[in-house]
Amino acid sequence: MSKELTTIIKSEGDGYVALCPEVDVASQGDTVAEARANLREALALFLESASETEIEQRFCSEVYVTRVEVAVG
């Protein structure tokens, strides 16, 4: 069984940080592709090792990624 999860990737320093907000798992890499692959591995490890209770407690089924405009200066 597989599940599609949200991935947010942003540049940070000389690399990239990847975050899955549904379960609050993050990873990093030197490139976007590497950060994404490392996050996939981190998620697999989390889902394999965490108890069903921990997964249920951490899982957020509604995640909204959007933009908001704010005044600057």
C-alpha atoms as a PDB file:
ATOM      1  CA  MET A   1       0.000   0.000   0.000  1.00  0.00           C
ATOM      2  CA  SER A   2       1.223   3.508  -0.699  1.00  0.00           C
ATOM      3  CA  LYS A   3       0.040   6.968   0.303  1.00  0.00           C
ATOM      4  CA  GLU A   4       0.743  10.301  -1.342  1.00  0.00           C
ATOM      5  CA  LEU A   5       1.982  12.908   1.135  1.00  0.00           C
ATOM      6  CA  THR A   6       2.750  16.618   0.857  1.00  0.00           C
ATOM      7  CA  THR A   7       6.379  17.649   0.432  1.00  0.00           C
ATOM      8  CA  ILE A   8       7.622  21.189   0.945  1.00  0.00           C
ATOM      9  CA  ILE A   9      11.188  21.838  -0.210  1.00  0.00           C
ATOM     10  CA  LYS A  10      13.038  25.095   0.350  1.00  0.00           C
ATOM     11  CA  SER A  11      16.592  26.206  -0.126  1.00  0.00           C
ATOM     12  CA  GLU A  12      18.559  26.657   3.055  1.00  0.00           C
ATOM     13  CA  GLY A  13      22.217  27.629   3.049  1.00  0.00           C
ATOM     14  CA  ASP A  14      24.044  25.557   0.448  1.00  0.00           C
ATOM     15  CA  GLY A  15      21.353  22.861   0.248  1.00  0.00           C
ATOM     16  CA  TYR A  16      17.683  22.103   0.535  1.00  0.00           C
ATOM     17  CA  VAL A  17      15.357  21.077   3.349  1.00  0.00           C
ATOM     18  CA  ALA A  18      12.360  18.843   2.633  1.00  0.00           C
ATOM     19  CA  LEU A  19       9.404  18.641   5.035  1.00  0.00           C
ATOM     20  CA  CYS A  20       6.341  16.422   5.135  1.00  0.00           C
ATOM     21  CA  PRO A  21       3.827  18.405   7.217  1.00  0.00           C
ATOM     22  CA  GLU A  22       1.348  15.515   7.558  1.00  0.00           C
ATOM     23  CA  VAL A  23       3.659  13.680   9.968  1.00  0.00           C
ATOM     24  CA  ASP A  24       6.240  16.415  10.725  1.00  0.00           C
ATOM     25  CA  VAL A  25       9.185  14.520   9.244  1.00  0.00           C
ATOM     26  CA  ALA A  26      12.032  16.410   7.574  1.00  0.00           C
ATOM     27  CA  SER A  27      15.270  15.695   5.768  1.00  0.00           C
ATOM     28  CA  GLN A  28      17.825  17.540   3.671  1.00  0.00           C
ATOM     29  CA  GLY A  29      20.065  17.227   0.636  1.00  0.00           C
ATOM     30  CA  ASP A  30      22.466  19.084  -1.604  1.00  0.00           C
ATOM     31  CA  THR A  31      19.899  19.237  -4.426  1.00  0.00           C
ATOM     32  CA  VAL A  32      16.113  19.298  -4.624  1.00  0.00           C
ATOM     33  CA  ALA A  33      16.115  15.723  -5.932  1.00  0.00           C
ATOM     34  CA  GLU A  34      18.400  14.538  -3.138  1.00  0.00           C
ATOM     35  CA  ALA A  35      16.332  16.275  -0.451  1.00  0.00           C
ATOM     36  CA  ARG A  36      13.173  14.678  -1.872  1.00  0.00           C
ATOM     37  CA  ALA A  37      14.761  11.222  -2.002  1.00  0.00           C
ATOM     38  CA  ASN A  38      16.121  11.596   1.544  1.00  0.00           C
ATOM     39  CA  LEU A  39      12.680  12.657   2.778  1.00  0.00           C
ATOM     40  CA  ARG A  40      11.117   9.618   1.120  1.00  0.00           C
ATOM     41  CA  GLU A  41      13.642   7.412   2.944  1.00  0.00           C
ATOM     42  CA  ALA A  42      13.036   9.212   6.269  1.00  0.00           C
ATOM     43  CA  LEU A  43       9.276   8.770   5.861  1.00  0.00           C
ATOM     44  CA  ALA A  44       9.657   5.072   5.089  1.00  0.00           C
ATOM     45  CA  LEU A  45      11.837   4.591   8.173  1.00  0.00           C
ATOM     46  CA  PHE A  46       9.392   6.520  10.354  1.00  0.00           C
ATOM     47  CA  LEU A  47       6.391   4.547   9.109  1.00  0.00           C
ATOM     48  CA  GLU A  48       8.236   1.231   9.568  1.00  0.00           C
ATOM     49  CA  SER A  49       9.450   1.961  13.099  1.00  0.00           C
ATOM     50  CA  ALA A  50       6.683   4.062  14.675  1.00  0.00           C
ATOM     51  CA  SER A  51       3.775   2.447  16.434  1.00  0.00           C
ATOM     52  CA  GLU A  52       0.304   2.779  14.941  1.00  0.00           C
ATOM     53  CA  THR A  53      -0.603   5.017  17.878  1.00  0.00           C
ATOM     54  CA  GLU A  54       2.297   7.399  17.208  1.00  0.00           C
ATOM     55  CA  ILE A  55       1.470   7.558  13.517  1.00  0.00           C
ATOM     56  CA  GLU A  56      -2.181   8.309  14.300  1.00  0.00           C
ATOM     57  CA  GLN A  57      -1.213  10.998  16.836  1.00  0.00           C
ATOM     58  CA  ARG A  58       1.196  12.724  14.446  1.00  0.00           C
ATOM     59  CA  PHE A  59      -0.807  12.359  11.242  1.00  0.00           C
ATOM     60  CA  CYS A  60      -2.622  15.492  10.128  1.00  0.00           C
ATOM     61  CA  SER A  61      -5.092  14.675   7.374  1.00  0.00           C
ATOM     62  CA  GLU A  62      -5.710  18.273   6.301  1.00  0.00           C
ATOM     63  CA  VAL A  63      -2.705  20.242   5.096  1.00  0.00           C
ATOM     64  CA  TYR A  64      -3.091  23.403   3.062  1.00  0.00           C
ATOM     65  CA  VAL A  65      -0.187  24.927   1.172  1.00  0.00           C
ATOM     66  CA  THR A  66      -1.043  28.416   0.045  1.00  0.00           C
ATOM     67  CA  ARG A  67       0.383  31.895  -0.260  1.00  0.00           C
ATOM     68  CA  VAL A  68      -0.617  35.058   1.560  1.00  0.00           C
ATOM     69  CA  GLU A  69       0.168  38.661   0.644  1.00  0.00           C
ATOM     70  CA  VAL A  70       1.429  40.989   3.381  1.00  0.00           C
ATOM     71  CA  ALA A  71       2.565  44.601   3.394  1.00  0.00           C
ATOM     72  CA  VAL A  72       6.309  45.077   3.787  1.00  0.00           C
ATOM     73  CA  GLY A  73       7.818  48.285   5.096  1.00  0.00           C
END
